[in-house]
Amino acid sequence: MKKTLFSILLALSPITTLFAQLSWTNESPAGLSDDIWCVQYANDTFVAVTGKGKVLSSTDGSSWTTQTISQGTWIVSITYGLDLWVAVGENGSVFYSADLKQWNSARAFTTSRLNGVAFTGKTFIAVGEGGVIATSTNAQTWTLANSGTTNFLHGILARSGQTIVTGGKGTVLSSSNEGASWSDYKNSLLGYGTLSTSVSDIEVIATAPSTVGSPNAIVAGSAGFVSPFVTYNSGSSYYNYNSSTIQYLKPPVVFRGLAYGGDSWVLIGENGSLFTSKDALKWTQRFTGDGPDSVTSATLLSVAYSPTLSKFVIVGTGGTIITSSTPPTSFVNVATRGTVVTSDPLIGGFVISGNAQKKVLIRGVGPTLGQFGVGNVLADPVITLYDKNNKVVATNAGWTTNSNLTTLIAATLRCTFPLAANSKDAALYVTLDAGSYTVVVTSTSKSSGTVLFEAYSL
């Protein structure tokens, strides 16, 4: 029987963005007056485009860098795929970049404004005014498709297997062959492809992960229109959820942006309108400040969510950038002290619940314990992190050898005592998916001694 076996499993609460008062922060960059038309999160970066040809990028949603890729050009939408960022806009303009530094222009294929672009996993699909739809497998050369409509197109739910596009006058189109051909969406909200004119324009469409359950997709548009529908199985089969769930929220604004993240939907639009929902059926208007004043009077145009940061970023007219608040800084942790010998390691574990990623600080403290009067400390601890499949996720021997040392030190100062400079204590600061994890503390030299195991959720 192990003399020092620690097997407590701690349920680390999933990161949940709170939509109470004061949960949104205006992060608008000083001096930027451009209308910001679209924001996306991919490749660990928020990227946004503006009405004057600028591209903004940020790794945290708060600090932004700006570059002009086409002076004065109205860029409306951006997406990421095949290791490329692809942006589209007025006069059929298409720009692409692999590094957000060097941008190239695609060969012209239309003079119509392109309102949206998305990536199915195989193909880029761009949509625009006059029913324009075009596809590309490399972002450089594009092929026009026959949409069968002259209504403007804007929203795209792009997936390999089936793609849905929405637009003016209730247009809902579907393609099952990577955008090569399109048809009216026969199983749409009211049972036929083009909705009644009472629904008016459908500006946006978005989906949640398939694990969310039904309904896991929403369309929204003018006059406060919003309605859920269902995607089935892998998302290749769609059908009407329930036409009775169509709502017209108050105020009856045009909704411009929609995203799902954490466990909530965020729906935005004109006059700073901001609504949230847990189930896609019941919507609540959200405000900041001490009274029912909208966070901004700007038109909010686009919203994106980072599962890594557990943060929404909203953009809009006049250089508006708004972020959801950082999750509450209450630190949940486990810690135990024991003795490590060659055949008897110290073992700890924890569980991250929910479906959001979590940043976790893990430490095996030996030498630094000597500063607190602890004797016979383990001189050279090693920590090894295993996932539920017993696969090594990360390991460390000597905390100063971490490549992310700056962020590890910052995380340490937020929740526990610092480690001695140049000590051989072990530490990891990692971002983990939901699931169960085990940490094994051993010794580099196979020696014995007292060690402290710690794990903090941040």
Foldseek 3Di string as FASTA:
>chain_A
DFPFEAEDAAADEAFDFDQAAPQKDWQFDPPFFFWWAEWEDDPQKIWTATQQQKIWIDNQLRDIDIDHDDGRHGWHEWEDDPLKIWIFFAQGWIWIDNPSPDIDTADHDGGFTWHYWYDARQWIWIFFAQGWIWIDRPSRDIDTADAVGGFTWHEWDHHQQKIWIFWFQQAIWMDRHRPNYIDFPQQDLVRTRRDHSVQGTWHYKDFDPVVLDPQTIKIFFFQQWIATFHADDPRNDTHHRHSVLIDRDPPRGTWAEWDDFQQKIWIFFAQLWIWMDRHSRDIDTGDYDDDPHRPGGFTWHYWYADLQQRKIWIGGGRSIIMMGHRGDLDKDKDKDKDKAALVHWYKYKYFHDDFGKWKKKKWKDFPQCVVVVDPFTAQWKKKWKAFPVRDTPDIWFWCVVDPPNVVNQVVCVSPHDDGDPRGRITMDTDIGGGGMMMMIMAGPVRHMGMIMIMMMID
